[in-house]
Amino acid sequence: MPRREQLEAMLADDPTDVFLNYALAMQLISDGDSAGGVARLERVMKLDPSYVPAYFQSAQALAQSDTDRSCELLRIGIDRAHANGDRHAVEEMNGLLAQLGG
């Protein structure tokens, strides 16, 4: 069974599992479905607003197609990362934000 189908099957049992939703989002992006991946990452952010990787990955996926939204997500993610004490994430997101001109 392909990884995507495995993740979807596991999510059928627990649709609010943050890590499984994140894993499915990353699989969708890896499979070339950026829109589906971003939608799933937005679900992750709703389930757990402090899950910093979702902001960074969403911003990366949107960087080419929607710079404004990407920068918005980075700013939110930076705030969340500061609150979590995650300096590495802050630096990564600040770097991408600078590249995007935000």
N, C-alpha and C. Protein backbone atom coordinates (compact mmCIF):
# COMPACT_ATOMS: atom_id res chain seq x y z
N MET A 1 0.85 -1.18 0.00
CA MET A 1 0.00 0.00 0.00
C MET A 1 0.90 1.25 0.00
N PRO A 2 0.65 2.19 -0.89
CA PRO A 2 1.44 3.43 -0.93
C PRO A 2 1.34 4.20 0.39
N ARG A 3 2.38 4.96 0.68
CA ARG A 3 2.45 5.71 1.94
C ARG A 3 1.25 6.62 2.14
N ARG A 4 0.85 7.30 1.08
CA ARG A 4 -0.30 8.20 1.20
C ARG A 4 -1.54 7.44 1.67
N GLU A 5 -1.79 6.30 1.08
CA GLU A 5 -2.95 5.51 1.47
C GLU A 5 -2.83 5.01 2.91
N GLN A 6 -1.62 4.66 3.32
CA GLN A 6 -1.41 4.22 4.71
C GLN A 6 -1.75 5.36 5.68
N LEU A 7 -1.27 6.55 5.36
CA LEU A 7 -1.54 7.70 6.22
C LEU A 7 -3.03 8.02 6.27
N GLU A 8 -3.67 7.97 5.11
CA GLU A 8 -5.11 8.24 5.08
C GLU A 8 -5.89 7.21 5.89
N ALA A 9 -5.46 5.95 5.84
CA ALA A 9 -6.12 4.90 6.62
C ALA A 9 -5.95 5.15 8.12
N MET A 10 -4.75 5.54 8.52
CA MET A 10 -4.52 5.83 9.94
C MET A 10 -5.32 7.05 10.39
N LEU A 11 -5.44 8.05 9.51
CA LEU A 11 -6.21 9.24 9.85
C LEU A 11 -7.70 8.95 9.94
N ALA A 12 -8.15 7.93 9.24
CA ALA A 12 -9.56 7.56 9.33
C ALA A 12 -9.90 7.14 10.77
N ASP A 13 -8.92 6.54 11.45
CA ASP A 13 -9.11 6.14 12.84
C ASP A 13 -9.00 7.31 13.81
N ASP A 14 -8.16 8.29 13.48
CA ASP A 14 -7.95 9.44 14.36
C ASP A 14 -7.69 10.69 13.51
N PRO A 15 -8.75 11.31 13.00
CA PRO A 15 -8.59 12.45 12.09
C PRO A 15 -7.98 13.70 12.73
N THR A 16 -7.87 13.73 14.05
CA THR A 16 -7.30 14.91 14.70
C THR A 16 -5.84 14.72 15.10
N ASP A 17 -5.23 13.63 14.69
CA ASP A 17 -3.82 13.39 15.01
C ASP A 17 -2.96 14.38 14.23
N VAL A 18 -2.31 15.28 14.96
CA VAL A 18 -1.53 16.35 14.35
C VAL A 18 -0.38 15.78 13.52
N PHE A 19 0.37 14.85 14.09
CA PHE A 19 1.52 14.32 13.36
C PHE A 19 1.10 13.60 12.09
N LEU A 20 0.03 12.81 12.14
CA LEU A 20 -0.42 12.10 10.93
C LEU A 20 -0.90 13.09 9.87
N ASN A 21 -1.59 14.14 10.28
CA ASN A 21 -2.00 15.17 9.33
C ASN A 21 -0.79 15.85 8.70
N TYR A 22 0.21 16.13 9.52
CA TYR A 22 1.44 16.74 9.01
C TYR A 22 2.15 15.79 8.05
N ALA A 23 2.25 14.53 8.41
CA ALA A 23 2.91 13.54 7.55
C ALA A 23 2.18 13.40 6.21
N LEU A 24 0.86 13.42 6.24
CA LEU A 24 0.10 13.34 5.00
C LEU A 24 0.33 14.60 4.16
N ALA A 25 0.36 15.75 4.79
CA ALA A 25 0.63 17.00 4.06
C ALA A 25 1.97 16.92 3.35
N MET A 26 2.99 16.46 4.07
CA MET A 26 4.32 16.37 3.47
C MET A 26 4.34 15.35 2.33
N GLN A 27 3.59 14.27 2.48
CA GLN A 27 3.51 13.27 1.41
C GLN A 27 2.83 13.86 0.18
N LEU A 28 1.75 14.60 0.39
CA LEU A 28 1.06 15.23 -0.72
C LEU A 28 1.98 16.18 -1.48
N ILE A 29 2.72 16.99 -0.74
CA ILE A 29 3.66 17.92 -1.37
C ILE A 29 4.73 17.14 -2.12
N SER A 30 5.23 16.09 -1.52
CA SER A 30 6.24 15.24 -2.16
C SER A 30 5.71 14.60 -3.44
N ASP A 31 4.42 14.30 -3.45
CA ASP A 31 3.77 13.69 -4.62
C ASP A 31 3.41 14.72 -5.69
N GLY A 32 3.68 15.99 -5.42
CA GLY A 32 3.40 17.04 -6.40
C GLY A 32 2.07 17.74 -6.21
N ASP A 33 1.35 17.41 -5.14
CA ASP A 33 0.07 18.04 -4.86
C ASP A 33 0.26 19.12 -3.80
N SER A 34 0.85 20.23 -4.23
CA SER A 34 1.13 21.31 -3.28
C SER A 34 -0.13 21.90 -2.68
N ALA A 35 -1.16 22.07 -3.51
CA ALA A 35 -2.41 22.64 -3.00
C ALA A 35 -3.02 21.74 -1.93
N GLY A 36 -3.04 20.44 -2.17
CA GLY A 36 -3.56 19.50 -1.19
C GLY A 36 -2.71 19.48 0.06
N GLY A 37 -1.40 19.57 -0.11
CA GLY A 37 -0.49 19.59 1.03
C GLY A 37 -0.68 20.83 1.89
N VAL A 38 -0.81 21.98 1.22
CA VAL A 38 -1.02 23.23 1.96
C VAL A 38 -2.36 23.19 2.70
N ALA A 39 -3.39 22.67 2.06
CA ALA A 39 -4.69 22.55 2.73
C ALA A 39 -4.58 21.68 3.97
N ARG A 40 -3.84 20.59 3.87
CA ARG A 40 -3.66 19.69 5.01
C ARG A 40 -2.83 20.39 6.09
N LEU A 41 -1.82 21.18 5.70
CA LEU A 41 -1.02 21.92 6.68
C LEU A 41 -1.87 22.96 7.39
N GLU A 42 -2.80 23.56 6.68
CA GLU A 42 -3.70 24.51 7.34
C GLU A 42 -4.56 23.79 8.38
N ARG A 43 -4.92 22.56 8.09
CA ARG A 43 -5.65 21.76 9.09
C ARG A 43 -4.78 21.53 10.32
N VAL A 44 -3.51 21.24 10.09
CA VAL A 44 -2.57 21.05 11.21
C VAL A 44 -2.52 22.31 12.06
N MET A 45 -2.43 23.48 11.41
CA MET A 45 -2.35 24.74 12.15
C MET A 45 -3.62 24.99 12.96
N LYS A 46 -4.77 24.55 12.45
CA LYS A 46 -6.01 24.69 13.21
C LYS A 46 -6.05 23.73 14.39
N LEU A 47 -5.57 22.51 14.17
CA LEU A 47 -5.57 21.51 15.24
C LEU A 47 -4.59 21.89 16.35
N ASP A 48 -3.43 22.42 15.96
CA ASP A 48 -2.40 22.79 16.93
C ASP A 48 -1.67 24.03 16.44
N PRO A 49 -2.16 25.21 16.82
CA PRO A 49 -1.55 26.46 16.36
C PRO A 49 -0.08 26.63 16.74
N SER A 50 0.43 25.83 17.64
CA SER A 50 1.84 25.95 18.04
C SER A 50 2.75 24.97 17.29
N TYR A 51 2.20 24.23 16.32
CA TYR A 51 3.00 23.26 15.56
C TYR A 51 3.77 24.01 14.47
N VAL A 52 4.93 24.53 14.84
CA VAL A 52 5.74 25.43 14.02
C VAL A 52 6.09 24.87 12.64
N PRO A 53 6.45 23.60 12.50
CA PRO A 53 6.84 23.12 11.16
C PRO A 53 5.75 23.32 10.10
N ALA A 54 4.50 23.33 10.50
CA ALA A 54 3.41 23.51 9.53
C ALA A 54 3.47 24.89 8.88
N TYR A 55 3.86 25.90 9.64
CA TYR A 55 3.95 27.25 9.08
C TYR A 55 5.10 27.34 8.07
N PHE A 56 6.23 26.79 8.45
CA PHE A 56 7.40 26.84 7.57
C PHE A 56 7.16 26.06 6.28
N GLN A 57 6.63 24.86 6.40
CA GLN A 57 6.39 24.04 5.21
C GLN A 57 5.32 24.65 4.31
N SER A 58 4.28 25.22 4.89
CA SER A 58 3.26 25.91 4.09
C SER A 58 3.87 27.08 3.34
N ALA A 59 4.66 27.85 4.06
CA ALA A 59 5.30 29.01 3.43
C ALA A 59 6.21 28.58 2.29
N GLN A 60 6.96 27.52 2.48
CA GLN A 60 7.83 27.03 1.40
C GLN A 60 7.01 26.59 0.20
N ALA A 61 5.92 25.88 0.45
CA ALA A 61 5.09 25.38 -0.65
C ALA A 61 4.42 26.53 -1.41
N LEU A 62 4.15 27.63 -0.71
CA LEU A 62 3.47 28.76 -1.34
C LEU A 62 4.42 29.83 -1.87
N ALA A 63 5.70 29.69 -1.61
CA ALA A 63 6.66 30.74 -1.93
C ALA A 63 6.63 31.17 -3.40
N GLN A 64 6.43 30.25 -4.30
CA GLN A 64 6.42 30.58 -5.73
C GLN A 64 5.08 31.11 -6.21
N SER A 65 4.00 30.62 -5.63
CA SER A 65 2.67 30.95 -6.16
C SER A 65 1.94 32.06 -5.40
N ASP A 66 2.23 32.24 -4.13
CA ASP A 66 1.52 33.23 -3.32
C ASP A 66 2.47 33.79 -2.26
N THR A 67 3.31 34.71 -2.69
CA THR A 67 4.33 35.27 -1.81
C THR A 67 3.73 35.97 -0.61
N ASP A 68 2.63 36.69 -0.81
CA ASP A 68 2.01 37.41 0.31
C ASP A 68 1.56 36.45 1.41
N ARG A 69 0.88 35.38 1.01
CA ARG A 69 0.42 34.38 2.00
C ARG A 69 1.62 33.69 2.64
N SER A 70 2.63 33.40 1.84
CA SER A 70 3.83 32.77 2.37
C SER A 70 4.47 33.64 3.46
N CYS A 71 4.60 34.92 3.18
CA CYS A 71 5.18 35.84 4.17
C CYS A 71 4.31 35.94 5.41
N GLU A 72 3.01 35.96 5.22
CA GLU A 72 2.08 36.01 6.35
C GLU A 72 2.27 34.78 7.25
N LEU A 73 2.34 33.61 6.64
CA LEU A 73 2.54 32.38 7.41
C LEU A 73 3.88 32.38 8.12
N LEU A 74 4.90 32.90 7.47
CA LEU A 74 6.22 32.97 8.11
C LEU A 74 6.18 33.87 9.33
N ARG A 75 5.52 35.00 9.23
CA ARG A 75 5.44 35.91 10.38
C ARG A 75 4.72 35.25 11.56
N ILE A 76 3.63 34.57 11.26
CA ILE A 76 2.90 33.86 12.32
C ILE A 76 3.78 32.76 12.90
N GLY A 77 4.43 32.01 12.01
CA GLY A 77 5.30 30.92 12.45
C GLY A 77 6.45 31.41 13.31
N ILE A 78 7.01 32.55 12.95
CA ILE A 78 8.11 33.13 13.74
C ILE A 78 7.61 33.48 15.14
N ASP A 79 6.42 34.06 15.22
CA ASP A 79 5.85 34.36 16.54
C ASP A 79 5.66 33.09 17.36
N ARG A 80 5.13 32.04 16.72
CA ARG A 80 4.91 30.76 17.42
C ARG A 80 6.24 30.14 17.84
N ALA A 81 7.23 30.22 16.97
CA ALA A 81 8.53 29.65 17.29
C ALA A 81 9.18 30.40 18.45
N HIS A 82 9.05 31.72 18.46
CA HIS A 82 9.56 32.50 19.60
C HIS A 82 8.88 32.04 20.88
N ALA A 83 7.57 31.87 20.84
CA ALA A 83 6.82 31.45 22.02
C ALA A 83 7.26 30.07 22.49
N ASN A 84 7.65 29.22 21.55
CA ASN A 84 8.11 27.87 21.89
C ASN A 84 9.59 27.82 22.24
N GLY A 85 10.29 28.93 22.08
CA GLY A 85 11.73 28.95 22.34
C GLY A 85 12.54 28.21 21.28
N ASP A 86 12.01 28.12 20.07
CA ASP A 86 12.66 27.38 18.99
C ASP A 86 13.47 28.33 18.11
N ARG A 87 14.68 28.61 18.53
CA ARG A 87 15.54 29.56 17.81
C ARG A 87 15.87 29.10 16.40
N HIS A 88 16.10 27.82 16.24
CA HIS A 88 16.44 27.29 14.91
C HIS A 88 15.31 27.58 13.92
N ALA A 89 14.08 27.32 14.32
CA ALA A 89 12.93 27.58 13.44
C ALA A 89 12.81 29.07 13.14
N VAL A 90 13.05 29.91 14.14
CA VAL A 90 13.00 31.36 13.94
C VAL A 90 14.01 31.76 12.87
N GLU A 91 15.23 31.24 12.98
CA GLU A 91 16.27 31.58 12.01
C GLU A 91 15.92 31.10 10.61
N GLU A 92 15.41 29.87 10.50
CA GLU A 92 15.03 29.34 9.18
C GLU A 92 13.93 30.18 8.55
N MET A 93 12.92 30.49 9.33
CA MET A 93 11.80 31.26 8.79
C MET A 93 12.20 32.70 8.48
N ASN A 94 13.04 33.30 9.32
CA ASN A 94 13.54 34.65 9.01
C ASN A 94 14.34 34.64 7.72
N GLY A 95 15.11 33.58 7.50
CA GLY A 95 15.89 33.47 6.27
C GLY A 95 14.99 33.41 5.04
N LEU A 96 13.95 32.59 5.10
CA LEU A 96 13.03 32.49 3.97
C LEU A 96 12.26 33.80 3.78
N LEU A 97 11.86 34.40 4.88
CA LEU A 97 11.15 35.68 4.81
C LEU A 97 12.02 36.73 4.11
N ALA A 98 13.31 36.78 4.44
CA ALA A 98 14.23 37.73 3.80
C ALA A 98 14.36 37.42 2.31
N GLN A 99 14.44 36.14 1.95
CA GLN A 99 14.54 35.77 0.54
C GLN A 99 13.31 36.21 -0.24
N LEU A 100 12.15 36.16 0.40
CA LEU A 100 10.91 36.53 -0.26
C LEU A 100 10.68 38.05 -0.25
N GLY A 101 11.55 38.76 0.45
CA GLY A 101 11.41 40.21 0.50
C GLY A 101 10.38 40.69 1.48
N GLY A 102 10.04 39.82 2.44
CA GLY A 102 9.02 40.17 3.41
C GLY A 102 9.60 40.70 4.65
